[in-house]
């Protein structure tokens, strides 16, 4: 089992709602960058897990963020991520173009 302590932020807890939102956004952005093609279900679970972990760790205690605000932040981030990572329909000929680029 890997120790968590080396990966925890040693700094102060967020002191404002804005700092709490930035903490969530930064954590989500870092986690999503490592994914190839995240599904909406995976993105929702990722957001839920990140916010839940921060709540359990007491990270939002001094931020003034309410549970309602946290839910709103998760919803906004989810919609943004889904719009960024949604799959697009391939137009005729694009399949062949993609295969040709891989060989080059």
PDB file of N, CA and C in Angstrom:
ATOM      1  N   UNK A   1       0.835  -1.179   0.000  1.00  0.00           N
ATOM      2  CA  UNK A   1       0.000   0.000   0.000  1.00  0.00           C
ATOM      3  C   UNK A   1       0.881   1.244   0.000  1.00  0.00           C
ATOM      4  N   UNK A   2       0.501   2.236  -0.765  1.00  0.00           N
ATOM      5  CA  UNK A   2       1.271   3.468  -0.889  1.00  0.00           C
ATOM      6  C   UNK A   2       0.859   4.454   0.197  1.00  0.00           C
ATOM      7  N   UNK A   3       1.836   5.094   0.796  1.00  0.00           N
ATOM      8  CA  UNK A   3       1.554   6.103   1.825  1.00  0.00           C
ATOM      9  C   UNK A   3       0.962   7.355   1.175  1.00  0.00           C
ATOM     10  N   UNK A   4      -0.072   7.914   1.783  1.00  0.00           N
ATOM     11  CA  UNK A   4      -0.740   9.109   1.239  1.00  0.00           C
ATOM     12  C   UNK A   4       0.000  10.399   1.564  1.00  0.00           C
ATOM     13  N   UNK A   5       0.683  10.448   2.675  1.00  0.00           N
ATOM     14  CA  UNK A   5       1.270  11.678   3.181  1.00  0.00           C
ATOM     15  C   UNK A   5       2.167  12.420   2.180  1.00  0.00           C
ATOM     16  N   UNK A   6       3.012  11.722   1.422  1.00  0.00           N
ATOM     17  CA  UNK A   6       3.863  12.468   0.482  1.00  0.00           C
ATOM     18  C   UNK A   6       3.063  13.191  -0.615  1.00  0.00           C
ATOM     19  N   UNK A   7       1.820  12.797  -0.826  1.00  0.00           N
ATOM     20  CA  UNK A   7       1.022  13.380  -1.899  1.00  0.00           C
ATOM     21  C   UNK A   7       0.024  14.427  -1.408  1.00  0.00           C
ATOM     22  N   UNK A   8      -0.037  14.651  -0.110  1.00  0.00           N
ATOM     23  CA  UNK A   8      -0.966  15.629   0.448  1.00  0.00           C
ATOM     24  C   UNK A   8      -0.349  17.020   0.446  1.00  0.00           C
ATOM     25  N   UNK A   9      -1.196  18.013   0.219  1.00  0.00           N
ATOM     26  CA  UNK A   9      -0.743  19.403   0.230  1.00  0.00           C
ATOM     27  C   UNK A   9      -0.507  19.846   1.669  1.00  0.00           C
ATOM     28  N   UNK A  10       0.702  20.280   1.996  1.00  0.00           N
ATOM     29  CA  UNK A  10       1.009  20.626   3.385  1.00  0.00           C
ATOM     30  C   UNK A  10       0.577  22.044   3.772  1.00  0.00           C
ATOM     31  N   UNK A  11       0.121  22.820   2.819  1.00  0.00           N
ATOM     32  CA  UNK A  11      -0.221  24.220   3.076  1.00  0.00           C
ATOM     33  C   UNK A  11      -1.510  24.396   3.843  1.00  0.00           C
ATOM     34  N   UNK A  12      -1.897  25.649   4.038  1.00  0.00           N
ATOM     35  CA  UNK A  12      -3.126  25.920   4.792  1.00  0.00           C
ATOM     36  C   UNK A  12      -4.374  25.504   4.014  1.00  0.00           C
ATOM     37  N   UNK A  13      -5.441  25.257   4.741  1.00  0.00           N
ATOM     38  CA  UNK A  13      -6.724  24.948   4.123  1.00  0.00           C
ATOM     39  C   UNK A  13      -7.259  26.209   3.454  1.00  0.00           C
ATOM     40  N   UNK A  14      -8.078  26.055   2.423  1.00  0.00           N
ATOM     41  CA  UNK A  14      -8.670  27.231   1.778  1.00  0.00           C
ATOM     42  C   UNK A  14      -9.446  28.077   2.796  1.00  0.00           C
ATOM     43  N   UNK A  15      -9.239  29.382   2.727  1.00  0.00           N
ATOM     44  CA  UNK A  15      -9.869  30.301   3.679  1.00  0.00           C
ATOM     45  C   UNK A  15     -11.087  31.015   3.094  1.00  0.00           C
ATOM     46  N   UNK A  16     -11.325  30.867   1.796  1.00  0.00           N
ATOM     47  CA  UNK A  16     -12.454  31.515   1.132  1.00  0.00           C
ATOM     48  C   UNK A  16     -13.149  30.513   0.216  1.00  0.00           C
ATOM     49  N   UNK A  17     -14.403  30.779  -0.128  1.00  0.00           N
ATOM     50  CA  UNK A  17     -15.080  29.881  -1.083  1.00  0.00           C
ATOM     51  C   UNK A  17     -14.333  29.800  -2.411  1.00  0.00           C
ATOM     52  N   UNK A  18     -13.810  30.915  -2.867  1.00  0.00           N
ATOM     53  CA  UNK A  18     -13.084  30.925  -4.142  1.00  0.00           C
ATOM     54  C   UNK A  18     -11.855  30.028  -4.090  1.00  0.00           C
ATOM     55  N   UNK A  19     -11.140  30.045  -2.974  1.00  0.00           N
ATOM     56  CA  UNK A  19      -9.957  29.191  -2.832  1.00  0.00           C
ATOM     57  C   UNK A  19     -10.366  27.713  -2.803  1.00  0.00           C
ATOM     58  N   UNK A  20     -11.513  27.415  -2.202  1.00  0.00           N
ATOM     59  CA  UNK A  20     -12.007  26.041  -2.201  1.00  0.00           C
ATOM     60  C   UNK A  20     -12.368  25.566  -3.594  1.00  0.00           C
ATOM     61  N   UNK A  21     -12.999  26.442  -4.377  1.00  0.00           N
ATOM     62  CA  UNK A  21     -13.348  26.100  -5.758  1.00  0.00           C
ATOM     63  C   UNK A  21     -12.082  25.867  -6.571  1.00  0.00           C
ATOM     64  N   UNK A  22     -11.090  26.712  -6.380  1.00  0.00           N
ATOM     65  CA  UNK A  22      -9.822  26.539  -7.096  1.00  0.00           C
ATOM     66  C   UNK A  22      -9.145  25.228  -6.718  1.00  0.00           C
ATOM     67  N   UNK A  23      -9.244  24.834  -5.467  1.00  0.00           N
ATOM     68  CA  UNK A  23      -8.661  23.569  -5.038  1.00  0.00           C
ATOM     69  C   UNK A  23      -9.318  22.402  -5.791  1.00  0.00           C
ATOM     70  N   UNK A  24     -10.645  22.444  -5.876  1.00  0.00           N
ATOM     71  CA  UNK A  24     -11.366  21.386  -6.579  1.00  0.00           C
ATOM     72  C   UNK A  24     -10.989  21.377  -8.053  1.00  0.00           C
ATOM     73  N   UNK A  25     -11.026  22.556  -8.678  1.00  0.00           N
ATOM     74  CA  UNK A  25     -10.735  22.654 -10.113  1.00  0.00           C
ATOM     75  C   UNK A  25      -9.317  22.176 -10.415  1.00  0.00           C
ATOM     76  N   UNK A  26      -8.366  22.534  -9.574  1.00  0.00           N
ATOM     77  CA  UNK A  26      -6.978  22.120  -9.783  1.00  0.00           C
ATOM     78  C   UNK A  26      -6.838  20.606  -9.657  1.00  0.00           C
ATOM     79  N   UNK A  27      -7.483  20.032  -8.669  1.00  0.00           N
ATOM     80  CA  UNK A  27      -7.419  18.578  -8.470  1.00  0.00           C
ATOM     81  C   UNK A  27      -8.052  17.832  -9.638  1.00  0.00           C
ATOM     82  N   UNK A  28      -9.204  18.316 -10.081  1.00  0.00           N
ATOM     83  CA  UNK A  28      -9.909  17.666 -11.185  1.00  0.00           C
ATOM     84  C   UNK A  28      -9.101  17.782 -12.472  1.00  0.00           C
ATOM     85  N   UNK A  29      -8.564  18.964 -12.733  1.00  0.00           N
ATOM     86  CA  UNK A  29      -7.780  19.172 -13.954  1.00  0.00           C
ATOM     87  C   UNK A  29      -6.581  18.234 -13.981  1.00  0.00           C
ATOM     88  N   UNK A  30      -5.896  18.088 -12.862  1.00  0.00           N
ATOM     89  CA  UNK A  30      -4.731  17.201 -12.809  1.00  0.00           C
ATOM     90  C   UNK A  30      -5.137  15.747 -13.037  1.00  0.00           C
ATOM     91  N   UNK A  31      -6.252  15.337 -12.457  1.00  0.00           N
ATOM     92  CA  UNK A  31      -6.700  13.946 -12.599  1.00  0.00           C
ATOM     93  C   UNK A  31      -7.159  13.652 -14.022  1.00  0.00           C
ATOM     94  N   UNK A  32      -7.852  14.585 -14.648  1.00  0.00           N
ATOM     95  CA  UNK A  32      -8.409  14.356 -15.980  1.00  0.00           C
ATOM     96  C   UNK A  32      -7.320  14.358 -17.049  1.00  0.00           C
ATOM     97  N   UNK A  33      -6.255  15.098 -16.848  1.00  0.00           N
ATOM     98  CA  UNK A  33      -5.174  15.155 -17.844  1.00  0.00           C
ATOM     99  C   UNK A  33      -4.543  13.792 -18.100  1.00  0.00           C
ATOM    100  N   UNK A  34      -4.642  12.903 -17.139  1.00  0.00           N
ATOM    101  CA  UNK A  34      -4.017  11.587 -17.302  1.00  0.00           C
ATOM    102  C   UNK A  34      -4.905  10.597 -18.048  1.00  0.00           C
ATOM    103  N   UNK A  35      -6.109  11.000 -18.413  1.00  0.00           N
ATOM    104  CA  UNK A  35      -7.056  10.095 -19.059  1.00  0.00           C
ATOM    105  C   UNK A  35      -7.011  10.233 -20.572  1.00  0.00           C
ATOM    106  N   UNK A  36      -7.235   9.126 -21.274  1.00  0.00           N
ATOM    107  CA  UNK A  36      -7.279   9.165 -22.736  1.00  0.00           C
ATOM    108  C   UNK A  36      -8.643   9.623 -23.239  1.00  0.00           C
ATOM    109  N   UNK A  37      -9.679   8.882 -22.902  1.00  0.00           N
ATOM    110  CA  UNK A  37     -11.030   9.201 -23.348  1.00  0.00           C
ATOM    111  C   UNK A  37     -12.009   8.951 -22.211  1.00  0.00           C
ATOM    112  N   UNK A  38     -12.136   9.911 -21.286  1.00  0.00           N
ATOM    113  CA  UNK A  38     -13.016   9.691 -20.142  1.00  0.00           C
ATOM    114  C   UNK A  38     -14.494   9.723 -20.532  1.00  0.00           C
ATOM    115  N   UNK A  39     -15.267   8.823 -19.975  1.00  0.00           N
ATOM    116  CA  UNK A  39     -16.708   8.795 -20.221  1.00  0.00           C
ATOM    117  C   UNK A  39     -17.395   9.737 -19.242  1.00  0.00           C
ATOM    118  N   UNK A  40     -18.612  10.178 -19.559  1.00  0.00           N
ATOM    119  CA  UNK A  40     -19.345  11.021 -18.613  1.00  0.00           C
ATOM    120  C   UNK A  40     -19.516  10.354 -17.244  1.00  0.00           C
ATOM    121  N   UNK A  41     -19.776   9.054 -17.238  1.00  0.00           N
ATOM    122  CA  UNK A  41     -19.930   8.346 -15.961  1.00  0.00           C
ATOM    123  C   UNK A  41     -18.629   8.387 -15.160  1.00  0.00           C
ATOM    124  N   UNK A  42     -17.507   8.171 -15.839  1.00  0.00           N
ATOM    125  CA  UNK A  42     -16.214   8.211 -15.155  1.00  0.00           C
ATOM    126  C   UNK A  42     -15.936   9.621 -14.623  1.00  0.00           C
ATOM    127  N   UNK A  43     -16.239  10.647 -15.425  1.00  0.00           N
ATOM    128  CA  UNK A  43     -16.016  12.027 -14.991  1.00  0.00           C
ATOM    129  C   UNK A  43     -16.849  12.359 -13.758  1.00  0.00           C
ATOM    130  N   UNK A  44     -18.106  11.916 -13.746  1.00  0.00           N
ATOM    131  CA  UNK A  44     -18.980  12.169 -12.588  1.00  0.00           C
ATOM    132  C   UNK A  44     -18.408  11.497 -11.347  1.00  0.00           C
ATOM    133  N   UNK A  45     -17.990  10.252 -11.473  1.00  0.00           N
ATOM    134  CA  UNK A  45     -17.406   9.538 -10.332  1.00  0.00           C
ATOM    135  C   UNK A  45     -16.118  10.200  -9.856  1.00  0.00           C
ATOM    136  N   UNK A  46     -15.308  10.653 -10.795  1.00  0.00           N
ATOM    137  CA  UNK A  46     -14.058  11.326 -10.447  1.00  0.00           C
ATOM    138  C   UNK A  46     -14.332  12.590  -9.630  1.00  0.00           C
ATOM    139  N   UNK A  47     -15.254  13.405 -10.095  1.00  0.00           N
ATOM    140  CA  UNK A  47     -15.618  14.625  -9.363  1.00  0.00           C
ATOM    141  C   UNK A  47     -16.146  14.290  -7.976  1.00  0.00           C
ATOM    142  N   UNK A  48     -17.053  13.328  -7.910  1.00  0.00           N
ATOM    143  CA  UNK A  48     -17.611  12.937  -6.613  1.00  0.00           C
ATOM    144  C   UNK A  48     -16.525  12.476  -5.654  1.00  0.00           C
ATOM    145  N   UNK A  49     -15.608  11.666  -6.152  1.00  0.00           N
ATOM    146  CA  UNK A  49     -14.526  11.151  -5.299  1.00  0.00           C
ATOM    147  C   UNK A  49     -13.592  12.246  -4.829  1.00  0.00           C
ATOM    148  N   UNK A  50     -13.232  13.153  -5.711  1.00  0.00           N
ATOM    149  CA  UNK A  50     -12.316  14.232  -5.329  1.00  0.00           C
ATOM    150  C   UNK A  50     -12.935  15.121  -4.266  1.00  0.00           C
ATOM    151  N   UNK A  51     -14.186  15.518  -4.466  1.00  0.00           N
ATOM    152  CA  UNK A  51     -14.839  16.384  -3.482  1.00  0.00           C
ATOM    153  C   UNK A  51     -15.058  15.633  -2.165  1.00  0.00           C
ATOM    154  N   UNK A  52     -15.487  14.379  -2.232  1.00  0.00           N
ATOM    155  CA  UNK A  52     -15.695  13.593  -1.013  1.00  0.00           C
ATOM    156  C   UNK A  52     -14.383  13.441  -0.228  1.00  0.00           C
ATOM    157  N   UNK A  53     -13.290  13.157  -0.937  1.00  0.00           N
ATOM    158  CA  UNK A  53     -11.998  13.004  -0.260  1.00  0.00           C
ATOM    159  C   UNK A  53     -11.589  14.293   0.448  1.00  0.00           C
ATOM    160  N   UNK A  54     -11.822  15.434  -0.204  1.00  0.00           N
ATOM    161  CA  UNK A  54     -11.469  16.718   0.415  1.00  0.00           C
ATOM    162  C   UNK A  54     -12.351  17.000   1.628  1.00  0.00           C
ATOM    163  N   UNK A  55     -13.618  16.611   1.542  1.00  0.00           N
ATOM    164  CA  UNK A  55     -14.522  16.783   2.688  1.00  0.00           C
ATOM    165  C   UNK A  55     -14.069  15.935   3.870  1.00  0.00           C
ATOM    166  N   UNK A  56     -13.743  14.679   3.597  1.00  0.00           N
ATOM    167  CA  UNK A  56     -13.300  13.761   4.656  1.00  0.00           C
ATOM    168  C   UNK A  56     -12.023  14.276   5.312  1.00  0.00           C
ATOM    169  N   UNK A  57     -11.134  14.850   4.521  1.00  0.00           N
ATOM    170  CA  UNK A  57      -9.874  15.384   5.040  1.00  0.00           C
ATOM    171  C   UNK A  57     -10.068  16.719   5.769  1.00  0.00           C
ATOM    172  N   UNK A  58     -11.285  17.291   5.694  1.00  0.00           N
ATOM    173  CA  UNK A  58     -11.558  18.563   6.375  1.00  0.00           C
ATOM    174  C   UNK A  58     -11.033  19.778   5.639  1.00  0.00           C
ATOM    175  N   UNK A  59     -10.752  19.627   4.356  1.00  0.00           N
ATOM    176  CA  UNK A  59     -10.145  20.714   3.592  1.00  0.00           C
ATOM    177  C   UNK A  59     -11.052  21.938   3.412  1.00  0.00           C
ATOM    178  N   UNK A  60     -12.368  21.752   3.484  1.00  0.00           N
ATOM    179  CA  UNK A  60     -13.277  22.871   3.247  1.00  0.00           C
ATOM    180  C   UNK A  60     -13.793  23.515   4.531  1.00  0.00           C
ATOM    181  N   UNK A  61     -13.316  23.069   5.679  1.00  0.00           N
ATOM    182  CA  UNK A  61     -13.820  23.558   6.962  1.00  0.00           C
ATOM    183  C   UNK A  61     -13.722  25.070   7.115  1.00  0.00           C
ATOM    184  N   UNK A  62     -12.664  25.665   6.620  1.00  0.00           N
ATOM    185  CA  UNK A  62     -12.442  27.103   6.796  1.00  0.00           C
ATOM    186  C   UNK A  62     -12.825  27.921   5.568  1.00  0.00           C
ATOM    187  N   UNK A  63     -13.348  27.268   4.536  1.00  0.00           N
ATOM    188  CA  UNK A  63     -13.620  27.966   3.275  1.00  0.00           C
ATOM    189  C   UNK A  63     -14.962  28.671   3.233  1.00  0.00           C
ATOM    190  N   UNK A  64     -15.902  28.234   4.058  1.00  0.00           N
ATOM    191  CA  UNK A  64     -17.233  28.821   4.005  1.00  0.00           C
ATOM    192  C   UNK A  64     -18.105  28.228   2.913  1.00  0.00           C
ATOM    193  N   UNK A  65     -17.619  27.200   2.219  1.00  0.00           N
ATOM    194  CA  UNK A  65     -18.424  26.554   1.178  1.00  0.00           C
ATOM    195  C   UNK A  65     -19.482  25.663   1.821  1.00  0.00           C
ATOM    196  N   UNK A  66     -20.715  25.808   1.354  1.00  0.00           N
ATOM    197  CA  UNK A  66     -21.795  24.950   1.835  1.00  0.00           C
ATOM    198  C   UNK A  66     -21.868  23.696   0.975  1.00  0.00           C
ATOM    199  N   UNK A  67     -22.608  22.726   1.450  1.00  0.00           N
ATOM    200  CA  UNK A  67     -22.793  21.502   0.663  1.00  0.00           C
ATOM    201  C   UNK A  67     -23.519  21.830  -0.645  1.00  0.00           C
ATOM    202  N   UNK A  68     -24.439  22.752  -0.585  1.00  0.00           N
ATOM    203  CA  UNK A  68     -25.151  23.162  -1.809  1.00  0.00           C
ATOM    204  C   UNK A  68     -24.182  23.775  -2.816  1.00  0.00           C
ATOM    205  N   UNK A  69     -23.289  24.634  -2.344  1.00  0.00           N
ATOM    206  CA  UNK A  69     -22.305  25.246  -3.238  1.00  0.00           C
ATOM    207  C   UNK A  69     -21.362  24.198  -3.821  1.00  0.00           C
ATOM    208  N   UNK A  70     -20.954  23.236  -3.015  1.00  0.00           N
ATOM    209  CA  UNK A  70     -20.093  22.171  -3.520  1.00  0.00           C
ATOM    210  C   UNK A  70     -20.800  21.382  -4.617  1.00  0.00           C
ATOM    211  N   UNK A  71     -22.086  21.117  -4.436  1.00  0.00           N
ATOM    212  CA  UNK A  71     -22.856  20.412  -5.470  1.00  0.00           C
ATOM    213  C   UNK A  71     -22.923  21.246  -6.745  1.00  0.00           C
ATOM    214  N   UNK A  72     -23.081  22.561  -6.608  1.00  0.00           N
ATOM    215  CA  UNK A  72     -23.121  23.435  -7.778  1.00  0.00           C
ATOM    216  C   UNK A  72     -21.776  23.448  -8.502  1.00  0.00           C
ATOM    217  N   UNK A  73     -20.697  23.483  -7.749  1.00  0.00           N
ATOM    218  CA  UNK A  73     -19.357  23.458  -8.343  1.00  0.00           C
ATOM    219  C   UNK A  73     -19.160  22.162  -9.113  1.00  0.00           C
ATOM    220  N   UNK A  74     -19.549  21.044  -8.518  1.00  0.00           N
ATOM    221  CA  UNK A  74     -19.415  19.753  -9.198  1.00  0.00           C
ATOM    222  C   UNK A  74     -20.235  19.727 -10.487  1.00  0.00           C
ATOM    223  N   UNK A  75     -21.440  20.264 -10.449  1.00  0.00           N
ATOM    224  CA  UNK A  75     -22.287  20.267 -11.652  1.00  0.00           C
ATOM    225  C   UNK A  75     -21.675  21.106 -12.765  1.00  0.00           C
ATOM    226  N   UNK A  76     -21.165  22.268 -12.429  1.00  0.00           N
ATOM    227  CA  UNK A  76     -20.555  23.133 -13.440  1.00  0.00           C
ATOM    228  C   UNK A  76     -19.307  22.477 -14.023  1.00  0.00           C
ATOM    229  N   UNK A  77     -18.454  21.935 -13.163  1.00  0.00           N
ATOM    230  CA  UNK A  77     -17.244  21.275 -13.652  1.00  0.00           C
ATOM    231  C   UNK A  77     -17.585  20.054 -14.499  1.00  0.00           C
ATOM    232  N   UNK A  78     -18.606  19.311 -14.103  1.00  0.00           N
ATOM    233  CA  UNK A  78     -19.011  18.135 -14.871  1.00  0.00           C
ATOM    234  C   UNK A  78     -19.451  18.541 -16.279  1.00  0.00           C
ATOM    235  N   UNK A  79     -20.308  19.538 -16.369  1.00  0.00           N
ATOM    236  CA  UNK A  79     -20.770  19.989 -17.693  1.00  0.00           C
ATOM    237  C   UNK A  79     -19.611  20.477 -18.551  1.00  0.00           C
ATOM    238  N   UNK A  80     -18.678  21.192 -17.945  1.00  0.00           N
ATOM    239  CA  UNK A  80     -17.516  21.680 -18.684  1.00  0.00           C
ATOM    240  C   UNK A  80     -16.660  20.522 -19.187  1.00  0.00           C
ATOM    241  N   UNK A  81     -16.406  19.554 -18.337  1.00  0.00           N
ATOM    242  CA  UNK A  81     -15.578  18.413 -18.727  1.00  0.00           C
ATOM    243  C   UNK A  81     -16.247  17.570 -19.804  1.00  0.00           C
ATOM    244  N   UNK A  82     -17.541  17.335 -19.674  1.00  0.00           N
ATOM    245  CA  UNK A  82     -18.252  16.550 -20.680  1.00  0.00           C
ATOM    246  C   UNK A  82     -18.208  17.264 -22.027  1.00  0.00           C
ATOM    247  N   UNK A  83     -18.354  18.587 -22.022  1.00  0.00           N
ATOM    248  CA  UNK A  83     -18.297  19.315 -23.292  1.00  0.00           C
ATOM    249  C   UNK A  83     -16.900  19.272 -23.900  1.00  0.00           C
ATOM    250  N   UNK A  84     -15.881  19.219 -23.065  1.00  0.00           N
ATOM    251  CA  UNK A  84     -14.506  19.154 -23.568  1.00  0.00           C
ATOM    252  C   UNK A  84     -14.156  17.772 -24.110  1.00  0.00           C
ATOM    253  N   UNK A  85     -14.701  16.734 -23.494  1.00  0.00           N
ATOM    254  CA  UNK A  85     -14.290  15.377 -23.825  1.00  0.00           C
ATOM    255  C   UNK A  85     -15.345  14.551 -24.543  1.00  0.00           C
ATOM    256  N   UNK A  86     -16.415  15.182 -25.018  1.00  0.00           N
ATOM    257  CA  UNK A  86     -17.431  14.390 -25.714  1.00  0.00           C
ATOM    258  C   UNK A  86     -16.878  13.902 -27.050  1.00  0.00           C
ATOM    259  N   UNK A  87     -17.352  12.732 -27.442  1.00  0.00           N
ATOM    260  CA  UNK A  87     -16.880  12.169 -28.708  1.00  0.00           C
ATOM    261  C   UNK A  87     -17.647  12.798 -29.861  1.00  0.00           C
ATOM    262  N   UNK A  88     -17.003  12.891 -30.970  1.00  0.00           N
ATOM    263  CA  UNK A  88     -17.601  13.478 -32.157  1.00  0.00           C
ATOM    264  C   UNK A  88     -17.800  12.396 -33.211  1.00  0.00           C
ATOM    265  N   UNK A  89     -18.806  12.604 -34.016  1.00  0.00           N
ATOM    266  CA  UNK A  89     -19.093  11.681 -35.101  1.00  0.00           C
ATOM    267  C   UNK A  89     -18.043  11.865 -36.188  1.00  0.00           C
ATOM    268  N   UNK A  90     -17.514  10.760 -36.688  1.00  0.00           N
ATOM    269  CA  UNK A  90     -16.540  10.815 -37.777  1.00  0.00           C
ATOM    270  C   UNK A  90     -17.264  11.068 -39.091  1.00  0.00           C
ATOM    271  N   UNK A  91     -16.763  12.003 -39.856  1.00  0.00           N
ATOM    272  CA  UNK A  91     -17.307  12.272 -41.182  1.00  0.00           C
ATOM    273  C   UNK A  91     -16.748  11.251 -42.163  1.00  0.00           C
ATOM    274  N   UNK A  92     -17.442  11.035 -43.265  1.00  0.00           N
ATOM    275  CA  UNK A  92     -16.928  10.088 -44.267  1.00  0.00           C
ATOM    276  C   UNK A  92     -15.511  10.474 -44.682  1.00  0.00           C
ATOM    277  N   UNK A  93     -14.630   9.498 -44.677  1.00  0.00           N
ATOM    278  CA  UNK A  93     -13.242   9.733 -45.080  1.00  0.00           C
ATOM    279  C   UNK A  93     -12.301   9.991 -43.910  1.00  0.00           C
ATOM    280  N   UNK A  94     -12.828  10.395 -42.758  1.00  0.00           N
ATOM    281  CA  UNK A  94     -11.959  10.677 -41.615  1.00  0.00           C
ATOM    282  C   UNK A  94     -11.319   9.421 -41.051  1.00  0.00           C
ATOM    283  N   UNK A  95     -11.996   8.313 -41.106  1.00  0.00           N
ATOM    284  CA  UNK A  95     -11.426   7.061 -40.615  1.00  0.00           C
ATOM    285  C   UNK A  95     -10.150   6.728 -41.382  1.00  0.00           C
ATOM    286  N   UNK A  96     -10.195   6.879 -42.699  1.00  0.00           N
ATOM    287  CA  UNK A  96      -9.029   6.583 -43.532  1.00  0.00           C
ATOM    288  C   UNK A  96      -7.909   7.579 -43.288  1.00  0.00           C
ATOM    289  N   UNK A  97      -8.256   8.861 -43.093  1.00  0.00           N
ATOM    290  CA  UNK A  97      -7.236   9.879 -42.818  1.00  0.00           C
ATOM    291  C   UNK A  97      -6.503   9.563 -41.523  1.00  0.00           C
ATOM    292  N   UNK A  98      -7.239   9.160 -40.493  1.00  0.00           N
ATOM    293  CA  UNK A  98      -6.619   8.846 -39.215  1.00  0.00           C
ATOM    294  C   UNK A  98      -5.689   7.651 -39.328  1.00  0.00           C
ATOM    295  N   UNK A  99      -6.094   6.644 -40.096  1.00  0.00           N
ATOM    296  CA  UNK A  99      -5.246   5.465 -40.291  1.00  0.00           C
ATOM    297  C   UNK A  99      -3.983   5.828 -41.051  1.00  0.00           C
ATOM    298  N   UNK A 100      -4.117   6.695 -42.047  1.00  0.00           N
ATOM    299  CA  UNK A 100      -2.959   7.123 -42.845  1.00  0.00           C
ATOM    300  C   UNK A 100      -1.952   7.888 -42.011  1.00  0.00           C
ATOM    301  N   UNK A 101      -2.426   8.686 -41.073  1.00  0.00           N
ATOM    302  CA  UNK A 101      -1.523   9.453 -40.189  1.00  0.00           C
ATOM    303  C   UNK A 101      -0.763   8.543 -39.237  1.00  0.00           C
ATOM    304  N   UNK A 102      -1.390   7.476 -38.799  1.00  0.00           N
ATOM    305  CA  UNK A 102      -0.715   6.555 -37.876  1.00  0.00           C
ATOM    306  C   UNK A 102       0.434   5.825 -38.531  1.00  0.00           C
ATOM    307  N   UNK A 103       0.309   5.563 -39.810  1.00  0.00           N
ATOM    308  CA  UNK A 103       1.391   4.834 -40.522  1.00  0.00           C
ATOM    309  C   UNK A 103       2.587   5.715 -40.807  1.00  0.00           C
ATOM    310  N   UNK A 104       2.363   6.989 -40.937  1.00  0.00           N
ATOM    311  CA  UNK A 104       3.446   7.896 -41.337  1.00  0.00           C
ATOM    312  C   UNK A 104       4.470   8.085 -40.260  1.00  0.00           C
TER     313      UNK A 104
END
